[in-house]
Structure formats: C-alpha cells, structure tokens
Amino acid sequence: MHELSIAQSIFENVLKEKKTRNLSNIEKIGLRIGSLSGILPDSLEFSFNALKIDTELADTILEMEIIPLQGYCKKCEQNFAVHDYTFFCPSCQSGQIEIEQGMEMEIAFLEIKD
C-alpha cells in the first residue's frame, strides 16, 4: 500500500508550507490525481486520516480531483481522451501517442481558515 507513503509525503509537505508561510489552520488540501497514477483515492484518504490524528492537521480534509487520461497522437497531431485504456489514436488508429495528462499527483491548493 504505497498510499501510506504518499499520504506521509503530503502531510510533511503541507506542514512545511504551513510553517514557511506562517499559515493559520488548514481546512482543506486539494489534490489532483491522474486516473493512471496508480493511486487509490480511498486508500490515500484512509492513510491521511490515520496520520493526522492528534496533529495540527487533525481537522483538515482532503479534496481529490481525478484527472482523466488525455493523449496526443504524434502522427496526426490530434489531442484525444483515452477511454478504457485503449492507447491508440481514435482519428488515425496510430499507436504513436503520448500521454498528456492522467499520470499526475499534485497538491493543487490549501484552503486556510480565516
């Protein structure tokens, strides 16, 4: 379950940012998670919730946006949505594609209590 180590990394990075910027209470952490990132959102949330008990992030919640797969065809230069993990261009049927989005995992925002 690599989600625990990811949750630990998020936790540490948010605490570092909180200290560096002298932020007040963090109410929400917004994450962008690609659908091909290999991260299970439920497991990540469970892991984060276990880590935050009795810490300064105890009341913080995770908000996760799942980013769909988007491809780019090198042959016909078309952007397209990847459905059902079918990695070929729907326009020209080429397999010469690049994944443009859907593999990311990033902290998108921190929502701070006024």
C-alpha atoms as a PDB file:
ATOM      1  CA  MET A   1       0.000   0.000   0.000  1.00  0.00           C
ATOM      2  CA  HIS A   2       2.123   2.890  -1.280  1.00  0.00           C
ATOM      3  CA  GLU A   3      -0.713   5.308  -0.471  1.00  0.00           C
ATOM      4  CA  LEU A   4       0.573   5.470   3.118  1.00  0.00           C
ATOM      5  CA  SER A   5       3.954   6.804   1.985  1.00  0.00           C
ATOM      6  CA  ILE A   6       2.215   9.253  -0.367  1.00  0.00           C
ATOM      7  CA  ALA A   7      -0.036  10.427   2.475  1.00  0.00           C
ATOM      8  CA  GLN A   8       3.057  10.862   4.669  1.00  0.00           C
ATOM      9  CA  SER A   9       4.716  12.958   1.968  1.00  0.00           C
ATOM     10  CA  ILE A  10       1.610  15.142   1.565  1.00  0.00           C
ATOM     11  CA  PHE A  11       1.404  15.543   5.331  1.00  0.00           C
ATOM     12  CA  GLU A  12       5.067  16.587   5.619  1.00  0.00           C
ATOM     13  CA  ASN A  13       4.929  18.971   2.638  1.00  0.00           C
ATOM     14  CA  VAL A  14       1.797  20.678   3.921  1.00  0.00           C
ATOM     15  CA  LEU A  15       3.282  21.120   7.402  1.00  0.00           C
ATOM     16  CA  LYS A  16       6.453  22.549   5.857  1.00  0.00           C
ATOM     17  CA  GLU A  17       4.420  25.006   3.749  1.00  0.00           C
ATOM     18  CA  LYS A  18       2.326  25.922   6.795  1.00  0.00           C
ATOM     19  CA  LYS A  19       5.452  26.767   8.767  1.00  0.00           C
ATOM     20  CA  THR A  20       7.276  28.530   5.905  1.00  0.00           C
ATOM     21  CA  ARG A  21       4.320  30.790   5.096  1.00  0.00           C
ATOM     22  CA  ASN A  22       3.144  31.133   8.701  1.00  0.00           C
ATOM     23  CA  LEU A  23      -0.328  29.898   7.756  1.00  0.00           C
ATOM     24  CA  SER A  24      -3.215  29.557  10.156  1.00  0.00           C
ATOM     25  CA  ASN A  25      -5.342  26.436  10.346  1.00  0.00           C
ATOM     26  CA  ILE A  26      -5.528  24.493   7.092  1.00  0.00           C
ATOM     27  CA  GLU A  27      -9.091  23.356   6.495  1.00  0.00           C
ATOM     28  CA  LYS A  28      -8.660  21.587   3.167  1.00  0.00           C
ATOM     29  CA  ILE A  29      -5.920  20.138   0.986  1.00  0.00           C
ATOM     30  CA  GLY A  30      -6.807  19.933  -2.692  1.00  0.00           C
ATOM     31  CA  LEU A  31      -5.160  17.162  -4.690  1.00  0.00           C
ATOM     32  CA  ARG A  32      -5.102  16.437  -8.436  1.00  0.00           C
ATOM     33  CA  ILE A  33      -4.709  12.712  -9.054  1.00  0.00           C
ATOM     34  CA  GLY A  34      -4.358  11.222 -12.521  1.00  0.00           C
ATOM     35  CA  SER A  35      -6.505   8.212 -13.295  1.00  0.00           C
ATOM     36  CA  LEU A  36      -3.368   6.324 -14.422  1.00  0.00           C
ATOM     37  CA  SER A  37      -1.239   7.379 -11.438  1.00  0.00           C
ATOM     38  CA  GLY A  38      -1.775   4.069  -9.652  1.00  0.00           C
ATOM     39  CA  ILE A  39      -3.080   5.868  -6.566  1.00  0.00           C
ATOM     40  CA  LEU A  40      -6.260   4.593  -4.940  1.00  0.00           C
ATOM     41  CA  PRO A  41      -8.095   7.680  -3.641  1.00  0.00           C
ATOM     42  CA  ASP A  42      -9.941   5.798  -0.881  1.00  0.00           C
ATOM     43  CA  SER A  43      -6.692   4.265   0.410  1.00  0.00           C
ATOM     44  CA  LEU A  44      -4.938   7.637   0.259  1.00  0.00           C
ATOM     45  CA  GLU A  45      -7.735   9.300   2.226  1.00  0.00           C
ATOM     46  CA  PHE A  46      -7.740   6.474   4.788  1.00  0.00           C
ATOM     47  CA  SER A  47      -3.956   6.753   5.210  1.00  0.00           C
ATOM     48  CA  PHE A  48      -4.037  10.536   5.540  1.00  0.00           C
ATOM     49  CA  ASN A  49      -6.847  10.352   8.103  1.00  0.00           C
ATOM     50  CA  ALA A  50      -4.832   7.875  10.160  1.00  0.00           C
ATOM     51  CA  LEU A  51      -1.732  10.112  10.080  1.00  0.00           C
ATOM     52  CA  LYS A  52      -3.495  13.337  11.036  1.00  0.00           C
ATOM     53  CA  ILE A  53      -4.932  12.101  14.348  1.00  0.00           C
ATOM     54  CA  ASP A  54      -3.777  14.305  17.254  1.00  0.00           C
ATOM     55  CA  THR A  55      -1.780  16.633  14.979  1.00  0.00           C
ATOM     56  CA  GLU A  56      -2.232  20.228  13.858  1.00  0.00           C
ATOM     57  CA  LEU A  57      -3.906  18.866  10.715  1.00  0.00           C
ATOM     58  CA  ALA A  58      -6.463  16.811  12.659  1.00  0.00           C
ATOM     59  CA  ASP A  59      -9.428  18.757  11.244  1.00  0.00           C
ATOM     60  CA  THR A  60      -8.043  19.024   7.698  1.00  0.00           C
ATOM     61  CA  ILE A  61      -9.844  17.215   4.898  1.00  0.00           C
ATOM     62  CA  LEU A  62      -8.570  16.022   1.528  1.00  0.00           C
ATOM     63  CA  GLU A  63     -10.414  17.037  -1.615  1.00  0.00           C
ATOM     64  CA  MET A  64      -9.387  14.984  -4.626  1.00  0.00           C
ATOM     65  CA  GLU A  65      -9.944  15.756  -8.284  1.00  0.00           C
ATOM     66  CA  ILE A  66      -9.436  12.752 -10.532  1.00  0.00           C
ATOM     67  CA  ILE A  67      -7.791  13.776 -13.807  1.00  0.00           C
ATOM     68  CA  PRO A  68      -8.847  11.706 -16.852  1.00  0.00           C
ATOM     69  CA  LEU A  69      -6.392  10.296 -19.364  1.00  0.00           C
ATOM     70  CA  GLN A  70      -5.617  12.597 -22.279  1.00  0.00           C
ATOM     71  CA  GLY A  71      -3.451  11.547 -25.199  1.00  0.00           C
ATOM     72  CA  TYR A  72      -1.687  13.207 -28.114  1.00  0.00           C
ATOM     73  CA  CYS A  73      -1.101  11.499 -31.455  1.00  0.00           C
ATOM     74  CA  LYS A  74       2.363  12.115 -32.879  1.00  0.00           C
ATOM     75  CA  LYS A  75       1.219  11.025 -36.331  1.00  0.00           C
ATOM     76  CA  CYS A  76      -1.889  13.181 -36.921  1.00  0.00           C
ATOM     77  CA  GLU A  77      -1.208  15.691 -34.109  1.00  0.00           C
ATOM     78  CA  GLN A  78      -4.646  15.291 -32.505  1.00  0.00           C
ATOM     79  CA  ASN A  79      -5.442  15.508 -28.793  1.00  0.00           C
ATOM     80  CA  PHE A  80      -7.955  12.961 -27.550  1.00  0.00           C
ATOM     81  CA  ALA A  81      -9.451  11.418 -24.436  1.00  0.00           C
ATOM     82  CA  VAL A  82      -8.213   7.899 -23.697  1.00  0.00           C
ATOM     83  CA  HIS A  83     -11.130   5.585 -22.914  1.00  0.00           C
ATOM     84  CA  ASP A  84     -10.947   2.080 -21.487  1.00  0.00           C
ATOM     85  CA  TYR A  85      -7.131   2.221 -21.519  1.00  0.00           C
ATOM     86  CA  THR A  86      -7.115   1.956 -25.316  1.00  0.00           C
ATOM     87  CA  PHE A  87      -3.814   3.528 -26.274  1.00  0.00           C
ATOM     88  CA  PHE A  88      -4.274   4.345 -29.948  1.00  0.00           C
ATOM     89  CA  CYS A  89      -5.479   7.414 -31.771  1.00  0.00           C
ATOM     90  CA  PRO A  90      -9.221   7.356 -32.467  1.00  0.00           C
ATOM     91  CA  SER A  91      -8.692   9.512 -35.588  1.00  0.00           C
ATOM     92  CA  CYS A  92      -5.921   7.654 -37.454  1.00  0.00           C
ATOM     93  CA  GLN A  93      -5.599   4.454 -35.366  1.00  0.00           C
ATOM     94  CA  SER A  94      -1.886   5.111 -34.766  1.00  0.00           C
ATOM     95  CA  GLY A  95      -0.187   3.747 -31.675  1.00  0.00           C
ATOM     96  CA  GLN A  96       2.325   6.606 -31.740  1.00  0.00           C
ATOM     97  CA  ILE A  97       0.801   8.507 -28.837  1.00  0.00           C
ATOM     98  CA  GLU A  98       1.970  10.354 -25.758  1.00  0.00           C
ATOM     99  CA  ILE A  99       0.027  10.587 -22.531  1.00  0.00           C
ATOM    100  CA  GLU A 100      -0.536  14.312 -21.909  1.00  0.00           C
ATOM    101  CA  GLN A 101      -2.390  14.039 -18.614  1.00  0.00           C
ATOM    102  CA  GLY A 102      -3.704  11.433 -16.238  1.00  0.00           C
ATOM    103  CA  MET A 103      -0.474  10.340 -14.549  1.00  0.00           C
ATOM    104  CA  GLU A 104      -0.013  13.305 -12.208  1.00  0.00           C
ATOM    105  CA  MET A 105      -0.363  13.615  -8.457  1.00  0.00           C
ATOM    106  CA  GLU A 106      -0.008  17.092  -7.062  1.00  0.00           C
ATOM    107  CA  ILE A 107      -1.105  19.296  -4.238  1.00  0.00           C
ATOM    108  CA  ALA A 108      -3.260  21.845  -6.076  1.00  0.00           C
ATOM    109  CA  PHE A 109      -4.273  24.113  -3.198  1.00  0.00           C
ATOM    110  CA  LEU A 110      -4.505  24.654   0.533  1.00  0.00           C
ATOM    111  CA  GLU A 111      -7.669  26.195   1.932  1.00  0.00           C
ATOM    112  CA  ILE A 112      -6.946  28.280   5.013  1.00  0.00           C
ATOM    113  CA  LYS A 113      -9.331  29.218   7.800  1.00  0.00           C
ATOM    114  CA  ASP A 114      -9.665  32.974   8.201  1.00  0.00           C
END
